[in-house]
Each structure stands twice: as structure tokens, then as C-alpha cells.
Amino acid sequence: MEPILERVGSVTVVFLPTDTLDASNVKEFKRDVGSVINERKKVVFDLERVNFVDSSGLGAILSCLRQLNAQGGDLKLCSLGKPVRALFELVRMHRIFDIYNCKDEAIRAFEN
């Protein structure tokens, strides 16, 4: 699942190159973003390409947030499509995560 990384100042943007984040690829996701989570404090997950997330995927993203928070960092999400956004709202994850419409908004949020 090799994520695409972009550094913008002190923020690392992780573009997920898959259309699903579910039980079939969540282990690979955790492995591939693990080094980013361990090395960076300010991370944005760009979910523009992701059309489906199941409970395993939600758990993996939540795990990344907890890990970053424990290290004094933070995780922001951006570019959620309608189905993914609806899922986050259904399970009330939109109250836990900072979710932005686009990458630039998420990056600017770290400046505040």
C-alpha cells in the first residue's frame, strides 16, 4: 500500500493510494504508516482516494491518532468522500478527529 508522503514545513501529509481501508489491508496500512507516525509529530491523512472504510480501518486510523497524541503530536484528516464522511459521522468519529475539506486547511490548522 506504499503511501505517498509530502512534507509541508513541519507537517507530513500522507496520501493513501488505495480506495479501501478494511480488514484486507489494515495490517499493511499500519506497517506502512508506522514509521511516519513514529518520526513525525504533525500528520495529515489525505483520504481523497478512499471510498470505503470498515471498522478495522477506523480502528487503525484511531490507533494512529492515539499514538501521535501520546508522543505530543496530532493527526488531522482531510478530503473525505461522502461515504467515508457519512461513516465517520454515523459512529461519531467526527467528534474525535479534526476533519478538513482539503489538505491546505488541515495544514493551516497546525499553525493555530
PDB file of N, CA and C in Angstrom:
ATOM      1  N   MET A   1       0.805  -1.189   0.000  1.00  0.00           N
ATOM      2  CA  MET A   1       0.000   0.000   0.000  1.00  0.00           C
ATOM      3  C   MET A   1       0.853   1.261   0.000  1.00  0.00           C
ATOM      4  N   GLU A   2       2.054   1.228  -0.118  1.00  0.00           N
ATOM      5  CA  GLU A   2       3.016   2.327  -0.097  1.00  0.00           C
ATOM      6  C   GLU A   2       2.367   3.716  -0.182  1.00  0.00           C
ATOM      7  N   PRO A   3       2.170   4.391   0.967  1.00  0.00           N
ATOM      8  CA  PRO A   3       1.580   5.727   0.939  1.00  0.00           C
ATOM      9  C   PRO A   3       2.532   6.740   0.324  1.00  0.00           C
ATOM     10  N   ILE A   4       1.966   7.792  -0.239  1.00  0.00           N
ATOM     11  CA  ILE A   4       2.755   8.875  -0.826  1.00  0.00           C
ATOM     12  C   ILE A   4       2.857   9.962   0.237  1.00  0.00           C
ATOM     13  N   LEU A   5       4.079  10.409   0.497  1.00  0.00           N
ATOM     14  CA  LEU A   5       4.315  11.405   1.539  1.00  0.00           C
ATOM     15  C   LEU A   5       4.685  12.745   0.934  1.00  0.00           C
ATOM     16  N   GLU A   6       4.203  13.800   1.564  1.00  0.00           N
ATOM     17  CA  GLU A   6       4.562  15.157   1.163  1.00  0.00           C
ATOM     18  C   GLU A   6       4.856  15.951   2.423  1.00  0.00           C
ATOM     19  N   ARG A   7       6.018  16.595   2.464  1.00  0.00           N
ATOM     20  CA  ARG A   7       6.367  17.446   3.608  1.00  0.00           C
ATOM     21  C   ARG A   7       6.027  18.885   3.268  1.00  0.00           C
ATOM     22  N   VAL A   8       5.294  19.526   4.156  1.00  0.00           N
ATOM     23  CA  VAL A   8       4.973  20.943   4.018  1.00  0.00           C
ATOM     24  C   VAL A   8       5.369  21.586   5.335  1.00  0.00           C
ATOM     25  N   GLY A   9       6.569  22.145   5.373  1.00  0.00           N
ATOM     26  CA  GLY A   9       7.097  22.680   6.622  1.00  0.00           C
ATOM     27  C   GLY A   9       7.280  21.546   7.615  1.00  0.00           C
ATOM     28  N   SER A  10       6.661  21.686   8.786  1.00  0.00           N
ATOM     29  CA  SER A  10       6.789  20.654   9.820  1.00  0.00           C
ATOM     30  C   SER A  10       5.675  19.606   9.747  1.00  0.00           C
ATOM     31  N   VAL A  11       4.797  19.732   8.751  1.00  0.00           N
ATOM     32  CA  VAL A  11       3.654  18.823   8.608  1.00  0.00           C
ATOM     33  C   VAL A  11       3.956  17.776   7.538  1.00  0.00           C
ATOM     34  N   THR A  12       3.604  16.523   7.826  1.00  0.00           N
ATOM     35  CA  THR A  12       3.728  15.448   6.844  1.00  0.00           C
ATOM     36  C   THR A  12       2.330  15.040   6.407  1.00  0.00           C
ATOM     37  N   VAL A  13       2.098  15.123   5.093  1.00  0.00           N
ATOM     38  CA  VAL A  13       0.816  14.713   4.528  1.00  0.00           C
ATOM     39  C   VAL A  13       0.987  13.311   3.962  1.00  0.00           C
ATOM     40  N   VAL A  14       0.100  12.409   4.371  1.00  0.00           N
ATOM     41  CA  VAL A  14       0.127  11.023   3.914  1.00  0.00           C
ATOM     42  C   VAL A  14      -1.075  10.811   2.997  1.00  0.00           C
ATOM     43  N   PHE A  15      -0.793  10.542   1.721  1.00  0.00           N
ATOM     44  CA  PHE A  15      -1.845  10.245   0.747  1.00  0.00           C
ATOM     45  C   PHE A  15      -1.986   8.732   0.670  1.00  0.00           C
ATOM     46  N   LEU A  16      -3.164   8.228   0.964  1.00  0.00           N
ATOM     47  CA  LEU A  16      -3.383   6.783   0.904  1.00  0.00           C
ATOM     48  C   LEU A  16      -3.734   6.401  -0.531  1.00  0.00           C
ATOM     49  N   PRO A  17      -2.951   5.504  -1.134  1.00  0.00           N
ATOM     50  CA  PRO A  17      -3.118   5.183  -2.550  1.00  0.00           C
ATOM     51  C   PRO A  17      -4.124   4.067  -2.823  1.00  0.00           C
ATOM     52  N   THR A  18      -5.045   3.841  -1.933  1.00  0.00           N
ATOM     53  CA  THR A  18      -5.999   2.753  -2.089  1.00  0.00           C
ATOM     54  C   THR A  18      -7.420   3.295  -1.971  1.00  0.00           C
ATOM     55  N   ASP A  19      -8.378   2.588  -2.543  1.00  0.00           N
ATOM     56  CA  ASP A  19      -9.756   3.056  -2.442  1.00  0.00           C
ATOM     57  C   ASP A  19     -10.502   2.443  -1.256  1.00  0.00           C
ATOM     58  N   THR A  20      -9.876   1.473  -0.589  1.00  0.00           N
ATOM     59  CA  THR A  20     -10.493   0.878   0.599  1.00  0.00           C
ATOM     60  C   THR A  20      -9.475   0.784   1.729  1.00  0.00           C
ATOM     61  N   LEU A  21      -9.974   0.906   2.926  1.00  0.00           N
ATOM     62  CA  LEU A  21      -9.164   0.658   4.118  1.00  0.00           C
ATOM     63  C   LEU A  21     -10.009  -0.258   4.980  1.00  0.00           C
ATOM     64  N   ASP A  22      -9.701  -1.551   4.881  1.00  0.00           N
ATOM     65  CA  ASP A  22     -10.520  -2.545   5.569  1.00  0.00           C
ATOM     66  C   ASP A  22      -9.654  -3.683   6.086  1.00  0.00           C
ATOM     67  N   ALA A  23     -10.304  -4.723   6.574  1.00  0.00           N
ATOM     68  CA  ALA A  23      -9.586  -5.851   7.174  1.00  0.00           C
ATOM     69  C   ALA A  23      -8.573  -6.475   6.221  1.00  0.00           C
ATOM     70  N   SER A  24      -8.793  -6.356   4.932  1.00  0.00           N
ATOM     71  CA  SER A  24      -7.884  -6.987   3.973  1.00  0.00           C
ATOM     72  C   SER A  24      -6.542  -6.267   3.850  1.00  0.00           C
ATOM     73  N   ASN A  25      -6.488  -4.979   4.205  1.00  0.00           N
ATOM     74  CA  ASN A  25      -5.228  -4.252   4.031  1.00  0.00           C
ATOM     75  C   ASN A  25      -4.818  -3.407   5.239  1.00  0.00           C
ATOM     76  N   VAL A  26      -5.525  -3.539   6.351  1.00  0.00           N
ATOM     77  CA  VAL A  26      -5.228  -2.696   7.502  1.00  0.00           C
ATOM     78  C   VAL A  26      -3.861  -3.010   8.119  1.00  0.00           C
ATOM     79  N   LYS A  27      -3.447  -4.260   8.077  1.00  0.00           N
ATOM     80  CA  LYS A  27      -2.122  -4.619   8.605  1.00  0.00           C
ATOM     81  C   LYS A  27      -1.022  -3.920   7.808  1.00  0.00           C
ATOM     82  N   GLU A  28      -1.174  -3.954   6.501  1.00  0.00           N
ATOM     83  CA  GLU A  28      -0.215  -3.297   5.605  1.00  0.00           C
ATOM     84  C   GLU A  28      -0.231  -1.780   5.844  1.00  0.00           C
ATOM     85  N   PHE A  29      -1.415  -1.207   6.030  1.00  0.00           N
ATOM     86  CA  PHE A  29      -1.550   0.222   6.316  1.00  0.00           C
ATOM     87  C   PHE A  29      -0.774   0.589   7.577  1.00  0.00           C
ATOM     88  N   LYS A  30      -0.988  -0.161   8.655  1.00  0.00           N
ATOM     89  CA  LYS A  30      -0.298   0.116   9.922  1.00  0.00           C
ATOM     90  C   LYS A  30       1.211   0.029   9.763  1.00  0.00           C
ATOM     91  N   ARG A  31       1.666  -0.978   9.036  1.00  0.00           N
ATOM     92  CA  ARG A  31       3.101  -1.145   8.813  1.00  0.00           C
ATOM     93  C   ARG A  31       3.670   0.031   8.025  1.00  0.00           C
ATOM     94  N   ASP A  32       2.962   0.416   6.961  1.00  0.00           N
ATOM     95  CA  ASP A  32       3.482   1.449   6.067  1.00  0.00           C
ATOM     96  C   ASP A  32       3.446   2.850   6.660  1.00  0.00           C
ATOM     97  N   VAL A  33       2.458   3.151   7.498  1.00  0.00           N
ATOM     98  CA  VAL A  33       2.412   4.488   8.099  1.00  0.00           C
ATOM     99  C   VAL A  33       3.085   4.517   9.471  1.00  0.00           C
ATOM    100  N   GLY A  34       3.457   3.371   9.987  1.00  0.00           N
ATOM    101  CA  GLY A  34       4.080   3.295  11.305  1.00  0.00           C
ATOM    102  C   GLY A  34       5.314   4.153  11.451  1.00  0.00           C
ATOM    103  N   SER A  35       6.180   4.131  10.446  1.00  0.00           N
ATOM    104  CA  SER A  35       7.411   4.925  10.541  1.00  0.00           C
ATOM    105  C   SER A  35       7.104   6.417  10.520  1.00  0.00           C
ATOM    106  N   VAL A  36       6.095   6.823   9.761  1.00  0.00           N
ATOM    107  CA  VAL A  36       5.710   8.238   9.734  1.00  0.00           C
ATOM    108  C   VAL A  36       5.192   8.649  11.102  1.00  0.00           C
ATOM    109  N   ILE A  37       4.352   7.823  11.685  1.00  0.00           N
ATOM    110  CA  ILE A  37       3.764   8.121  12.992  1.00  0.00           C
ATOM    111  C   ILE A  37       4.854   8.202  14.064  1.00  0.00           C
ATOM    112  N   ASN A  38       5.847   7.335  13.974  1.00  0.00           N
ATOM    113  CA  ASN A  38       6.925   7.324  14.969  1.00  0.00           C
ATOM    114  C   ASN A  38       7.890   8.489  14.818  1.00  0.00           C
ATOM    115  N   GLU A  39       8.043   9.004  13.603  1.00  0.00           N
ATOM    116  CA  GLU A  39       9.065  10.023  13.332  1.00  0.00           C
ATOM    117  C   GLU A  39       8.527  11.451  13.278  1.00  0.00           C
ATOM    118  N   ARG A  40       7.240  11.618  13.111  1.00  0.00           N
ATOM    119  CA  ARG A  40       6.660  12.948  12.918  1.00  0.00           C
ATOM    120  C   ARG A  40       5.667  13.278  14.021  1.00  0.00           C
ATOM    121  N   LYS A  41       5.473  14.557  14.260  1.00  0.00           N
ATOM    122  CA  LYS A  41       4.515  14.999  15.280  1.00  0.00           C
ATOM    123  C   LYS A  41       3.231  15.545  14.661  1.00  0.00           C
ATOM    124  N   LYS A  42       3.339  16.126  13.464  1.00  0.00           N
ATOM    125  CA  LYS A  42       2.194  16.741  12.795  1.00  0.00           C
ATOM    126  C   LYS A  42       1.915  15.973  11.510  1.00  0.00           C
ATOM    127  N   VAL A  43       0.804  15.244  11.499  1.00  0.00           N
ATOM    128  CA  VAL A  43       0.491  14.367  10.369  1.00  0.00           C
ATOM    129  C   VAL A  43      -0.931  14.634   9.877  1.00  0.00           C
ATOM    130  N   VAL A  44      -1.080  14.658   8.560  1.00  0.00           N
ATOM    131  CA  VAL A  44      -2.390  14.765   7.919  1.00  0.00           C
ATOM    132  C   VAL A  44      -2.583  13.522   7.059  1.00  0.00           C
ATOM    133  N   PHE A  45      -3.704  12.841   7.222  1.00  0.00           N
ATOM    134  CA  PHE A  45      -4.071  11.744   6.319  1.00  0.00           C
ATOM    135  C   PHE A  45      -5.026  12.314   5.288  1.00  0.00           C
ATOM    136  N   ASP A  46      -4.617  12.292   4.016  1.00  0.00           N
ATOM    137  CA  ASP A  46      -5.479  12.722   2.914  1.00  0.00           C
ATOM    138  C   ASP A  46      -6.213  11.491   2.410  1.00  0.00           C
ATOM    139  N   LEU A  47      -7.519  11.451   2.611  1.00  0.00           N
ATOM    140  CA  LEU A  47      -8.329  10.273   2.280  1.00  0.00           C
ATOM    141  C   LEU A  47      -9.135  10.459   0.998  1.00  0.00           C
ATOM    142  N   GLU A  48      -8.651  11.314   0.119  1.00  0.00           N
ATOM    143  CA  GLU A  48      -9.383  11.616  -1.112  1.00  0.00           C
ATOM    144  C   GLU A  48      -9.696  10.376  -1.953  1.00  0.00           C
ATOM    145  N   ARG A  49      -8.763   9.467  -2.047  1.00  0.00           N
ATOM    146  CA  ARG A  49      -8.952   8.273  -2.880  1.00  0.00           C
ATOM    147  C   ARG A  49      -9.743   7.163  -2.190  1.00  0.00           C
ATOM    148  N   VAL A  50      -9.916   7.278  -0.882  1.00  0.00           N
ATOM    149  CA  VAL A  50     -10.551   6.211  -0.113  1.00  0.00           C
ATOM    150  C   VAL A  50     -12.076   6.336  -0.217  1.00  0.00           C
ATOM    151  N   ASN A  51     -12.716   5.278  -0.717  1.00  0.00           N
ATOM    152  CA  ASN A  51     -14.173   5.257  -0.874  1.00  0.00           C
ATOM    153  C   ASN A  51     -14.874   4.410   0.180  1.00  0.00           C
ATOM    154  N   PHE A  52     -14.105   3.541   0.865  1.00  0.00           N
ATOM    155  CA  PHE A  52     -14.715   2.635   1.838  1.00  0.00           C
ATOM    156  C   PHE A  52     -13.765   2.393   3.000  1.00  0.00           C
ATOM    157  N   VAL A  53     -14.295   2.493   4.208  1.00  0.00           N
ATOM    158  CA  VAL A  53     -13.548   2.186   5.423  1.00  0.00           C
ATOM    159  C   VAL A  53     -14.449   1.310   6.287  1.00  0.00           C
ATOM    160  N   ASP A  54     -13.908   0.194   6.781  1.00  0.00           N
ATOM    161  CA  ASP A  54     -14.697  -0.636   7.702  1.00  0.00           C
ATOM    162  C   ASP A  54     -14.195  -0.404   9.127  1.00  0.00           C
ATOM    163  N   SER A  55     -14.705  -1.176  10.069  1.00  0.00           N
ATOM    164  CA  SER A  55     -14.340  -0.975  11.474  1.00  0.00           C
ATOM    165  C   SER A  55     -12.849  -1.194  11.714  1.00  0.00           C
ATOM    166  N   SER A  56     -12.232  -2.098  10.969  1.00  0.00           N
ATOM    167  CA  SER A  56     -10.789  -2.317  11.095  1.00  0.00           C
ATOM    168  C   SER A  56     -10.016  -1.082  10.665  1.00  0.00           C
ATOM    169  N   GLY A  57     -10.451  -0.477   9.575  1.00  0.00           N
ATOM    170  CA  GLY A  57      -9.817   0.742   9.088  1.00  0.00           C
ATOM    171  C   GLY A  57      -9.983   1.893  10.058  1.00  0.00           C
ATOM    172  N   LEU A  58     -11.194   2.042  10.601  1.00  0.00           N
ATOM    173  CA  LEU A  58     -11.422   3.084  11.606  1.00  0.00           C
ATOM    174  C   LEU A  58     -10.520   2.880  12.817  1.00  0.00           C
ATOM    175  N   GLY A  59     -10.417   1.630  13.241  1.00  0.00           N
ATOM    176  CA  GLY A  59      -9.560   1.313  14.388  1.00  0.00           C
ATOM    177  C   GLY A  59      -8.106   1.650  14.124  1.00  0.00           C
ATOM    178  N   ALA A  60      -7.647   1.396  12.903  1.00  0.00           N
ATOM    179  CA  ALA A  60      -6.257   1.681  12.553  1.00  0.00           C
ATOM    180  C   ALA A  60      -5.983   3.186  12.551  1.00  0.00           C
ATOM    181  N   ILE A  61      -6.925   3.952  12.007  1.00  0.00           N
ATOM    182  CA  ILE A  61      -6.758   5.407  11.991  1.00  0.00           C
ATOM    183  C   ILE A  61      -6.802   5.953  13.419  1.00  0.00           C
ATOM    184  N   LEU A  62      -7.704   5.434  14.227  1.00  0.00           N
ATOM    185  CA  LEU A  62      -7.800   5.844  15.631  1.00  0.00           C
ATOM    186  C   LEU A  62      -6.521   5.500  16.388  1.00  0.00           C
ATOM    187  N   SER A  63      -5.954   4.351  16.102  1.00  0.00           N
ATOM    188  CA  SER A  63      -4.695   3.940  16.722  1.00  0.00           C
ATOM    189  C   SER A  63      -3.571   4.919  16.381  1.00  0.00           C
ATOM    190  N   CYS A  64      -3.536   5.380  15.146  1.00  0.00           N
ATOM    191  CA  CYS A  64      -2.526   6.367  14.730  1.00  0.00           C
ATOM    192  C   CYS A  64      -2.699   7.667  15.511  1.00  0.00           C
ATOM    193  N   LEU A  65      -3.954   8.104  15.681  1.00  0.00           N
ATOM    194  CA  LEU A  65      -4.220   9.324  16.448  1.00  0.00           C
ATOM    195  C   LEU A  65      -3.738   9.171  17.884  1.00  0.00           C
ATOM    196  N   ARG A  66      -4.072   8.055  18.509  1.00  0.00           N
ATOM    197  CA  ARG A  66      -3.661   7.829  19.902  1.00  0.00           C
ATOM    198  C   ARG A  66      -2.145   7.799  20.044  1.00  0.00           C
ATOM    199  N   GLN A  67      -1.497   7.132  19.097  1.00  0.00           N
ATOM    200  CA  GLN A  67      -0.038   7.042  19.136  1.00  0.00           C
ATOM    201  C   GLN A  67       0.593   8.429  19.007  1.00  0.00           C
ATOM    202  N   LEU A  68       0.097   9.225  18.079  1.00  0.00           N
ATOM    203  CA  LEU A  68       0.625  10.582  17.910  1.00  0.00           C
ATOM    204  C   LEU A  68       0.353  11.435  19.144  1.00  0.00           C
ATOM    205  N   ASN A  69      -0.860  11.345  19.683  1.00  0.00           N
ATOM    206  CA  ASN A  69      -1.195  12.118  20.883  1.00  0.00           C
ATOM    207  C   ASN A  69      -0.287  11.750  22.051  1.00  0.00           C
ATOM    208  N   ALA A  70       0.032  10.473  22.187  1.00  0.00           N
ATOM    209  CA  ALA A  70       0.905  10.008  23.267  1.00  0.00           C
ATOM    210  C   ALA A  70       2.314  10.577  23.133  1.00  0.00           C
ATOM    211  N   GLN A  71       2.710  10.909  21.907  1.00  0.00           N
ATOM    212  CA  GLN A  71       4.045  11.459  21.633  1.00  0.00           C
ATOM    213  C   GLN A  71       4.027  12.984  21.579  1.00  0.00           C
ATOM    214  N   GLY A  72       2.894  13.580  21.923  1.00  0.00           N
ATOM    215  CA  GLY A  72       2.784  15.031  21.874  1.00  0.00           C
ATOM    216  C   GLY A  72       2.462  15.564  20.490  1.00  0.00           C
ATOM    217  N   GLY A  73       2.032  14.697  19.585  1.00  0.00           N
ATOM    218  CA  GLY A  73       1.701  15.108  18.229  1.00  0.00           C
ATOM    219  C   GLY A  73       0.203  15.107  17.988  1.00  0.00           C
ATOM    220  N   ASP A  74      -0.178  15.252  16.725  1.00  0.00           N
ATOM    221  CA  ASP A  74      -1.594  15.259  16.372  1.00  0.00           C
ATOM    222  C   ASP A  74      -1.781  14.754  14.954  1.00  0.00           C
ATOM    223  N   LEU A  75      -2.978  14.251  14.688  1.00  0.00           N
ATOM    224  CA  LEU A  75      -3.363  13.743  13.374  1.00  0.00           C
ATOM    225  C   LEU A  75      -4.627  14.459  12.940  1.00  0.00           C
ATOM    226  N   LYS A  76      -4.601  14.945  11.706  1.00  0.00           N
ATOM    227  CA  LYS A  76      -5.781  15.572  11.126  1.00  0.00           C
ATOM    228  C   LYS A  76      -6.133  14.821   9.850  1.00  0.00           C
ATOM    229  N   LEU A  77      -7.409  14.805   9.511  1.00  0.00           N
ATOM    230  CA  LEU A  77      -7.885  14.121   8.311  1.00  0.00           C
ATOM    231  C   LEU A  77      -8.426  15.150   7.336  1.00  0.00           C
ATOM    232  N   CYS A  78      -8.296  14.849   6.041  1.00  0.00           N
ATOM    233  CA  CYS A  78      -8.855  15.755   5.050  1.00  0.00           C
ATOM    234  C   CYS A  78      -9.344  14.988   3.827  1.00  0.00           C
ATOM    235  N   SER A  79     -10.166  15.685   3.044  1.00  0.00           N
ATOM    236  CA  SER A  79     -10.647  15.203   1.751  1.00  0.00           C
ATOM    237  C   SER A  79     -11.436  13.904   1.846  1.00  0.00           C
ATOM    238  N   LEU A  80     -12.270  13.792   2.868  1.00  0.00           N
ATOM    239  CA  LEU A  80     -13.106  12.598   2.998  1.00  0.00           C
ATOM    240  C   LEU A  80     -14.249  12.663   1.990  1.00  0.00           C
ATOM    241  N   GLY A  81     -14.430  11.585   1.236  1.00  0.00           N
ATOM    242  CA  GLY A  81     -15.556  11.494   0.322  1.00  0.00           C
ATOM    243  C   GLY A  81     -16.841  11.302   1.104  1.00  0.00           C
ATOM    244  N   LYS A  82     -17.977  11.443   0.432  1.00  0.00           N
ATOM    245  CA  LYS A  82     -19.278  11.354   1.108  1.00  0.00           C
ATOM    246  C   LYS A  82     -19.482  10.044   1.869  1.00  0.00           C
ATOM    247  N   PRO A  83     -19.175   8.874   1.271  1.00  0.00           N
ATOM    248  CA  PRO A  83     -19.412   7.624   2.023  1.00  0.00           C
ATOM    249  C   PRO A  83     -18.545   7.510   3.273  1.00  0.00           C
ATOM    250  N   VAL A  84     -17.296   7.941   3.176  1.00  0.00           N
ATOM    251  CA  VAL A  84     -16.383   7.846   4.323  1.00  0.00           C
ATOM    252  C   VAL A  84     -16.794   8.872   5.381  1.00  0.00           C
ATOM    253  N   ARG A  85     -17.131  10.065   4.950  1.00  0.00           N
ATOM    254  CA  ARG A  85     -17.576  11.103   5.889  1.00  0.00           C
ATOM    255  C   ARG A  85     -18.840  10.644   6.622  1.00  0.00           C
ATOM    256  N   ALA A  86     -19.766  10.023   5.883  1.00  0.00           N
ATOM    257  CA  ALA A  86     -21.009   9.529   6.489  1.00  0.00           C
ATOM    258  C   ALA A  86     -20.718   8.479   7.561  1.00  0.00           C
ATOM    259  N   LEU A  87     -19.761   7.597   7.284  1.00  0.00           N
ATOM    260  CA  LEU A  87     -19.387   6.580   8.271  1.00  0.00           C
ATOM    261  C   LEU A  87     -18.801   7.234   9.519  1.00  0.00           C
ATOM    262  N   PHE A  88     -17.900   8.195   9.346  1.00  0.00           N
ATOM    263  CA  PHE A  88     -17.298   8.876  10.488  1.00  0.00           C
ATOM    264  C   PHE A  88     -18.384   9.551  11.338  1.00  0.00           C
ATOM    265  N   GLU A  89     -19.387  10.124  10.685  1.00  0.00           N
ATOM    266  CA  GLU A  89     -20.469  10.771  11.434  1.00  0.00           C
ATOM    267  C   GLU A  89     -21.373   9.736  12.101  1.00  0.00           C
ATOM    268  N   LEU A  90     -21.646   8.640  11.418  1.00  0.00           N
ATOM    269  CA  LEU A  90     -22.502   7.586  11.967  1.00  0.00           C
ATOM    270  C   LEU A  90     -21.945   7.034  13.277  1.00  0.00           C
ATOM    271  N   VAL A  91     -20.638   6.797  13.310  1.00  0.00           N
ATOM    272  CA  VAL A  91     -20.013   6.235  14.513  1.00  0.00           C
ATOM    273  C   VAL A  91     -19.394   7.324  15.406  1.00  0.00           C
ATOM    274  N   ARG A  92     -19.729   8.566  15.100  1.00  0.00           N
ATOM    275  CA  ARG A  92     -19.317   9.736  15.879  1.00  0.00           C
ATOM    276  C   ARG A  92     -17.805   9.965  15.942  1.00  0.00           C
ATOM    277  N   MET A  93     -17.093   9.468  14.970  1.00  0.00           N
ATOM    278  CA  MET A  93     -15.646   9.697  14.916  1.00  0.00           C
ATOM    279  C   MET A  93     -15.333  11.140  14.521  1.00  0.00           C
ATOM    280  N   HIS A  94     -16.294  11.830  13.918  1.00  0.00           N
ATOM    281  CA  HIS A  94     -16.077  13.229  13.561  1.00  0.00           C
ATOM    282  C   HIS A  94     -15.918  14.110  14.805  1.00  0.00           C
ATOM    283  N   ARG A  95     -16.293  13.573  15.962  1.00  0.00           N
ATOM    284  CA  ARG A  95     -16.099  14.307  17.217  1.00  0.00           C
ATOM    285  C   ARG A  95     -14.711  14.074  17.801  1.00  0.00           C
ATOM    286  N   ILE A  96     -14.054  13.036  17.352  1.00  0.00           N
ATOM    287  CA  ILE A  96     -12.728  12.678  17.857  1.00  0.00           C
ATOM    288  C   ILE A  96     -11.632  13.260  16.974  1.00  0.00           C
ATOM    289  N   PHE A  97     -11.861  13.227  15.663  1.00  0.00           N
ATOM    290  CA  PHE A  97     -10.862  13.690  14.701  1.00  0.00           C
ATOM    291  C   PHE A  97     -11.153  15.112  14.248  1.00  0.00           C
ATOM    292  N   ASP A  98     -10.083  15.833  13.940  1.00  0.00           N
ATOM    293  CA  ASP A  98     -10.206  17.114  13.256  1.00  0.00           C
ATOM    294  C   ASP A  98     -10.255  16.790  11.765  1.00  0.00           C
ATOM    295  N   ILE A  99     -11.390  17.102  11.125  1.00  0.00           N
ATOM    296  CA  ILE A  99     -11.596  16.764   9.720  1.00  0.00           C
ATOM    297  C   ILE A  99     -11.733  18.059   8.913  1.00  0.00           C
ATOM    298  N   TYR A 100     -10.990  18.134   7.814  1.00  0.00           N
ATOM    299  CA  TYR A 100     -10.977  19.327   6.978  1.00  0.00           C
ATOM    300  C   TYR A 100     -11.347  18.974   5.543  1.00  0.00           C
ATOM    301  N   ASN A 101     -11.830  19.980   4.819  1.00  0.00           N
ATOM    302  CA  ASN A 101     -12.254  19.758   3.442  1.00  0.00           C
ATOM    303  C   ASN A 101     -11.091  19.490   2.496  1.00  0.00           C
ATOM    304  N   CYS A 102      -9.956  20.146   2.754  1.00  0.00           N
ATOM    305  CA  CYS A 102      -8.812  19.975   1.851  1.00  0.00           C
ATOM    306  C   CYS A 102      -7.504  19.960   2.638  1.00  0.00           C
ATOM    307  N   LYS A 103      -6.468  19.547   1.956  1.00  0.00           N
ATOM    308  CA  LYS A 103      -5.138  19.423   2.545  1.00  0.00           C
ATOM    309  C   LYS A 103      -4.648  20.752   3.110  1.00  0.00           C
ATOM    310  N   ASP A 104      -4.837  21.835   2.368  1.00  0.00           N
ATOM    311  CA  ASP A 104      -4.339  23.140   2.806  1.00  0.00           C
ATOM    312  C   ASP A 104      -4.986  23.586   4.119  1.00  0.00           C
ATOM    313  N   GLU A 105      -6.286  23.332   4.275  1.00  0.00           N
ATOM    314  CA  GLU A 105      -6.973  23.678   5.528  1.00  0.00           C
ATOM    315  C   GLU A 105      -6.393  22.881   6.694  1.00  0.00           C
ATOM    316  N   ALA A 106      -6.140  21.609   6.466  1.00  0.00           N
ATOM    317  CA  ALA A 106      -5.597  20.750   7.529  1.00  0.00           C
ATOM    318  C   ALA A 106      -4.198  21.204   7.930  1.00  0.00           C
ATOM    319  N   ILE A 107      -3.398  21.565   6.949  1.00  0.00           N
ATOM    320  CA  ILE A 107      -2.033  22.038   7.245  1.00  0.00           C
ATOM    321  C   ILE A 107      -2.091  23.352   8.023  1.00  0.00           C
ATOM    322  N   ARG A 108      -2.952  24.263   7.585  1.00  0.00           N
ATOM    323  CA  ARG A 108      -3.074  25.561   8.282  1.00  0.00           C
ATOM    324  C   ARG A 108      -3.548  25.374   9.725  1.00  0.00           C
ATOM    325  N   ALA A 109      -4.350  24.351   9.980  1.00  0.00           N
ATOM    326  CA  ALA A 109      -4.856  24.122  11.336  1.00  0.00           C
ATOM    327  C   ALA A 109      -3.728  23.846  12.327  1.00  0.00           C
ATOM    328  N   PHE A 110      -2.610  23.342  11.853  1.00  0.00           N
ATOM    329  CA  PHE A 110      -1.465  23.104  12.745  1.00  0.00           C
ATOM    330  C   PHE A 110      -0.797  24.406  13.166  1.00  0.00           C
ATOM    331  N   GLU A 111      -1.039  25.471  12.432  1.00  0.00           N
ATOM    332  CA  GLU A 111      -0.420  26.762  12.748  1.00  0.00           C
ATOM    333  C   GLU A 111      -1.118  27.462  13.903  1.00  0.00           C
ATOM    334  N   ASN A 112      -2.350  27.053  14.187  1.00  0.00           N
ATOM    335  CA  ASN A 112      -3.126  27.696  15.270  1.00  0.00           C
ATOM    336  C   ASN A 112      -2.812  27.118  16.618  1.00  0.00           C
TER     337      ASN A 112
END
